[in-house]
Amino acid sequence: MQRVSSTRGFNTAIVALDGSVEEVFESYKKVAPRAGLEVVDEDFEGFEAELYVRRAKALGLIQIRQTGCEGTLLAYLNLPKSH
């Protein structure tokens, strides 16, 4: 499953992923700077995690959540567009 939309300077996506919250969290932490995003804060609780990111002055969020299906996660991305 993947849903993507674009509005008011943000790209929003919901992505289904395999793996653990920790694996996906660490992957997004590494990829964010390569995508032009600065990680400004993070919150890792084991069963869920958030990365707070910034591009220029616009803030964004990456949320990672476990689902009812073991080994399947949902990542919610609300990211500022690059201009």
N, C-alpha and C. Protein backbone atom coordinates (compact mmCIF):
# COMPACT_ATOMS: atom_id res chain seq x y z
N MET A 1 0.84 -1.18 0.00
CA MET A 1 0.00 0.00 0.00
C MET A 1 0.88 1.24 0.00
N GLN A 2 0.49 2.18 -0.79
CA GLN A 2 1.17 3.47 -0.80
C GLN A 2 0.17 4.52 -1.26
N ARG A 3 0.07 5.57 -0.52
CA ARG A 3 -0.78 6.70 -0.90
C ARG A 3 0.07 7.96 -0.83
N VAL A 4 -0.04 8.77 -1.86
CA VAL A 4 0.76 9.99 -1.92
C VAL A 4 -0.12 11.15 -2.34
N SER A 5 0.08 12.29 -1.70
CA SER A 5 -0.61 13.51 -2.12
C SER A 5 0.34 14.68 -1.96
N SER A 6 -0.02 15.79 -2.56
CA SER A 6 0.82 16.97 -2.52
C SER A 6 -0.08 18.19 -2.36
N THR A 7 0.12 18.95 -1.29
CA THR A 7 -0.67 20.14 -1.04
C THR A 7 0.16 21.18 -0.30
N ARG A 8 -0.13 22.43 -0.56
CA ARG A 8 0.42 23.57 0.20
C ARG A 8 1.87 23.44 0.60
N GLY A 9 2.72 23.05 -0.30
CA GLY A 9 4.14 23.00 -0.01
C GLY A 9 4.62 21.74 0.68
N PHE A 10 3.73 20.74 0.81
CA PHE A 10 4.11 19.50 1.47
C PHE A 10 3.77 18.30 0.58
N ASN A 11 4.62 17.27 0.68
CA ASN A 11 4.32 15.97 0.10
C ASN A 11 3.95 15.06 1.25
N THR A 12 2.83 14.38 1.12
CA THR A 12 2.36 13.49 2.17
C THR A 12 2.23 12.09 1.60
N ALA A 13 2.70 11.10 2.35
CA ALA A 13 2.62 9.72 1.89
C ALA A 13 2.38 8.79 3.08
N ILE A 14 1.67 7.70 2.80
CA ILE A 14 1.52 6.59 3.74
C ILE A 14 2.09 5.37 3.03
N VAL A 15 3.06 4.72 3.68
CA VAL A 15 3.77 3.62 3.05
C VAL A 15 3.76 2.42 3.99
N ALA A 16 3.42 1.24 3.47
CA ALA A 16 3.51 -0.01 4.24
C ALA A 16 4.91 -0.59 4.02
N LEU A 17 5.54 -1.00 5.12
CA LEU A 17 6.92 -1.49 5.07
C LEU A 17 7.06 -2.76 5.89
N ASP A 18 8.01 -3.58 5.53
CA ASP A 18 8.36 -4.76 6.32
C ASP A 18 9.53 -4.41 7.22
N GLY A 19 9.61 -5.05 8.38
CA GLY A 19 10.74 -4.86 9.28
C GLY A 19 10.29 -4.42 10.65
N SER A 20 11.26 -4.04 11.45
CA SER A 20 10.98 -3.56 12.81
C SER A 20 10.93 -2.04 12.81
N VAL A 21 10.32 -1.49 13.85
CA VAL A 21 10.28 -0.03 14.00
C VAL A 21 11.71 0.51 14.05
N GLU A 22 12.58 -0.17 14.77
CA GLU A 22 13.97 0.30 14.90
C GLU A 22 14.69 0.31 13.55
N GLU A 23 14.54 -0.75 12.76
CA GLU A 23 15.20 -0.82 11.45
C GLU A 23 14.73 0.31 10.53
N VAL A 24 13.42 0.52 10.47
CA VAL A 24 12.88 1.56 9.59
C VAL A 24 13.26 2.94 10.10
N PHE A 25 13.21 3.15 11.41
CA PHE A 25 13.60 4.42 12.02
C PHE A 25 15.05 4.77 11.66
N GLU A 26 15.95 3.81 11.83
CA GLU A 26 17.36 4.05 11.53
C GLU A 26 17.56 4.32 10.04
N SER A 27 16.82 3.62 9.20
CA SER A 27 16.93 3.85 7.75
C SER A 27 16.50 5.27 7.38
N TYR A 28 15.35 5.71 7.90
CA TYR A 28 14.89 7.06 7.59
C TYR A 28 15.84 8.11 8.16
N LYS A 29 16.44 7.86 9.33
CA LYS A 29 17.42 8.80 9.89
C LYS A 29 18.60 8.99 8.95
N LYS A 30 19.04 7.91 8.31
CA LYS A 30 20.18 8.00 7.39
C LYS A 30 19.79 8.65 6.07
N VAL A 31 18.58 8.38 5.59
CA VAL A 31 18.13 8.85 4.28
C VAL A 31 17.72 10.33 4.32
N ALA A 32 17.16 10.78 5.42
CA ALA A 32 16.63 12.15 5.51
C ALA A 32 17.65 13.21 5.06
N PRO A 33 18.89 13.22 5.57
CA PRO A 33 19.84 14.23 5.13
C PRO A 33 20.17 14.16 3.64
N ARG A 34 20.19 12.95 3.10
CA ARG A 34 20.45 12.80 1.66
C ARG A 34 19.30 13.34 0.83
N ALA A 35 18.12 13.45 1.44
CA ALA A 35 16.94 14.00 0.75
C ALA A 35 16.80 15.50 1.01
N GLY A 36 17.82 16.10 1.64
CA GLY A 36 17.79 17.54 1.89
C GLY A 36 17.02 17.92 3.14
N LEU A 37 16.82 16.97 4.05
CA LEU A 37 16.09 17.22 5.30
C LEU A 37 17.04 17.19 6.48
N GLU A 38 16.88 18.15 7.36
CA GLU A 38 17.65 18.18 8.60
C GLU A 38 16.80 17.53 9.70
N VAL A 39 17.32 16.53 10.39
CA VAL A 39 16.61 15.93 11.52
C VAL A 39 16.82 16.85 12.71
N VAL A 40 15.72 17.42 13.22
CA VAL A 40 15.82 18.39 14.32
C VAL A 40 15.44 17.78 15.67
N ASP A 41 14.72 16.65 15.66
CA ASP A 41 14.36 15.97 16.90
C ASP A 41 13.90 14.57 16.55
N GLU A 42 13.87 13.71 17.54
CA GLU A 42 13.41 12.34 17.32
C GLU A 42 12.82 11.80 18.61
N ASP A 43 11.94 10.80 18.45
CA ASP A 43 11.32 10.14 19.59
C ASP A 43 11.15 8.68 19.22
N PHE A 44 11.87 7.81 19.92
CA PHE A 44 11.82 6.38 19.63
C PHE A 44 11.29 5.66 20.87
N GLU A 45 10.16 4.99 20.73
CA GLU A 45 9.56 4.29 21.87
C GLU A 45 9.53 2.78 21.68
N GLY A 46 10.09 2.28 20.61
CA GLY A 46 10.12 0.84 20.38
C GLY A 46 8.97 0.35 19.53
N PHE A 47 7.75 0.65 19.92
CA PHE A 47 6.57 0.25 19.15
C PHE A 47 6.15 1.32 18.15
N GLU A 48 6.70 2.52 18.30
CA GLU A 48 6.45 3.63 17.39
C GLU A 48 7.63 4.58 17.47
N ALA A 49 7.75 5.44 16.46
CA ALA A 49 8.86 6.39 16.45
C ALA A 49 8.51 7.58 15.56
N GLU A 50 9.12 8.72 15.86
CA GLU A 50 8.94 9.92 15.05
C GLU A 50 10.29 10.58 14.79
N LEU A 51 10.41 11.11 13.60
CA LEU A 51 11.53 11.97 13.25
C LEU A 51 10.95 13.32 12.85
N TYR A 52 11.41 14.37 13.49
CA TYR A 52 10.97 15.72 13.16
C TYR A 52 12.05 16.32 12.27
N VAL A 53 11.65 16.78 11.11
CA VAL A 53 12.62 17.22 10.11
C VAL A 53 12.31 18.65 9.66
N ARG A 54 13.34 19.26 9.03
CA ARG A 54 13.18 20.63 8.52
C ARG A 54 13.86 20.71 7.16
N ARG A 55 13.21 21.45 6.27
CA ARG A 55 13.82 21.83 4.99
C ARG A 55 13.65 23.35 4.93
N ALA A 56 14.77 24.06 4.94
CA ALA A 56 14.75 25.52 5.04
C ALA A 56 14.01 25.86 6.35
N LYS A 57 12.91 26.62 6.28
CA LYS A 57 12.16 26.98 7.50
C LYS A 57 10.93 26.11 7.73
N ALA A 58 10.64 25.21 6.78
CA ALA A 58 9.44 24.38 6.89
C ALA A 58 9.73 23.10 7.67
N LEU A 59 8.86 22.79 8.64
CA LEU A 59 9.00 21.59 9.45
C LEU A 59 8.18 20.45 8.86
N GLY A 60 8.64 19.23 9.06
CA GLY A 60 7.93 18.05 8.60
C GLY A 60 8.05 16.94 9.63
N LEU A 61 7.39 15.82 9.34
CA LEU A 61 7.33 14.72 10.30
C LEU A 61 7.32 13.39 9.58
N ILE A 62 8.06 12.44 10.14
CA ILE A 62 8.01 11.05 9.70
C ILE A 62 7.59 10.24 10.92
N GLN A 63 6.44 9.56 10.82
CA GLN A 63 5.94 8.72 11.90
C GLN A 63 5.98 7.26 11.45
N ILE A 64 6.44 6.39 12.33
CA ILE A 64 6.52 4.96 12.03
C ILE A 64 5.71 4.23 13.09
N ARG A 65 4.77 3.38 12.65
CA ARG A 65 3.86 2.70 13.57
C ARG A 65 3.76 1.21 13.24
N GLN A 66 3.67 0.39 14.27
CA GLN A 66 3.38 -1.02 14.07
C GLN A 66 1.92 -1.16 13.65
N THR A 67 1.63 -2.23 12.92
CA THR A 67 0.25 -2.53 12.55
C THR A 67 -0.17 -3.80 13.28
N GLY A 68 -1.38 -4.26 13.03
CA GLY A 68 -1.85 -5.51 13.60
C GLY A 68 -1.22 -6.73 12.97
N CYS A 69 -0.54 -6.56 11.86
CA CYS A 69 0.14 -7.67 11.17
C CYS A 69 1.61 -7.68 11.57
N GLU A 70 2.05 -8.74 12.20
CA GLU A 70 3.42 -8.82 12.67
C GLU A 70 4.42 -8.61 11.54
N GLY A 71 5.40 -7.74 11.77
CA GLY A 71 6.44 -7.48 10.78
C GLY A 71 6.07 -6.44 9.74
N THR A 72 4.84 -5.92 9.82
CA THR A 72 4.42 -4.89 8.87
C THR A 72 4.22 -3.57 9.61
N LEU A 73 4.77 -2.52 9.04
CA LEU A 73 4.69 -1.19 9.63
C LEU A 73 4.04 -0.23 8.66
N LEU A 74 3.55 0.87 9.19
CA LEU A 74 3.12 1.99 8.35
C LEU A 74 4.00 3.18 8.67
N ALA A 75 4.47 3.85 7.64
CA ALA A 75 5.22 5.09 7.80
C ALA A 75 4.36 6.21 7.21
N TYR A 76 4.16 7.25 8.00
CA TYR A 76 3.42 8.43 7.58
C TYR A 76 4.45 9.54 7.38
N LEU A 77 4.53 10.06 6.17
CA LEU A 77 5.51 11.10 5.87
C LEU A 77 4.78 12.38 5.48
N ASN A 78 5.08 13.45 6.16
CA ASN A 78 4.56 14.77 5.84
C ASN A 78 5.79 15.67 5.70
N LEU A 79 6.27 15.81 4.47
CA LEU A 79 7.56 16.43 4.23
C LEU A 79 7.45 17.70 3.41
N PRO A 80 8.19 18.73 3.79
CA PRO A 80 8.19 19.96 3.00
C PRO A 80 8.77 19.69 1.61
N LYS A 81 8.15 20.28 0.60
CA LYS A 81 8.65 20.13 -0.76
C LYS A 81 9.97 20.86 -0.90
N SER A 82 10.81 20.35 -1.80
CA SER A 82 12.04 21.08 -2.12
C SER A 82 11.67 22.07 -3.23
N HIS A 83 12.25 23.24 -3.18
CA HIS A 83 11.91 24.27 -4.17
C HIS A 83 13.06 24.50 -5.10
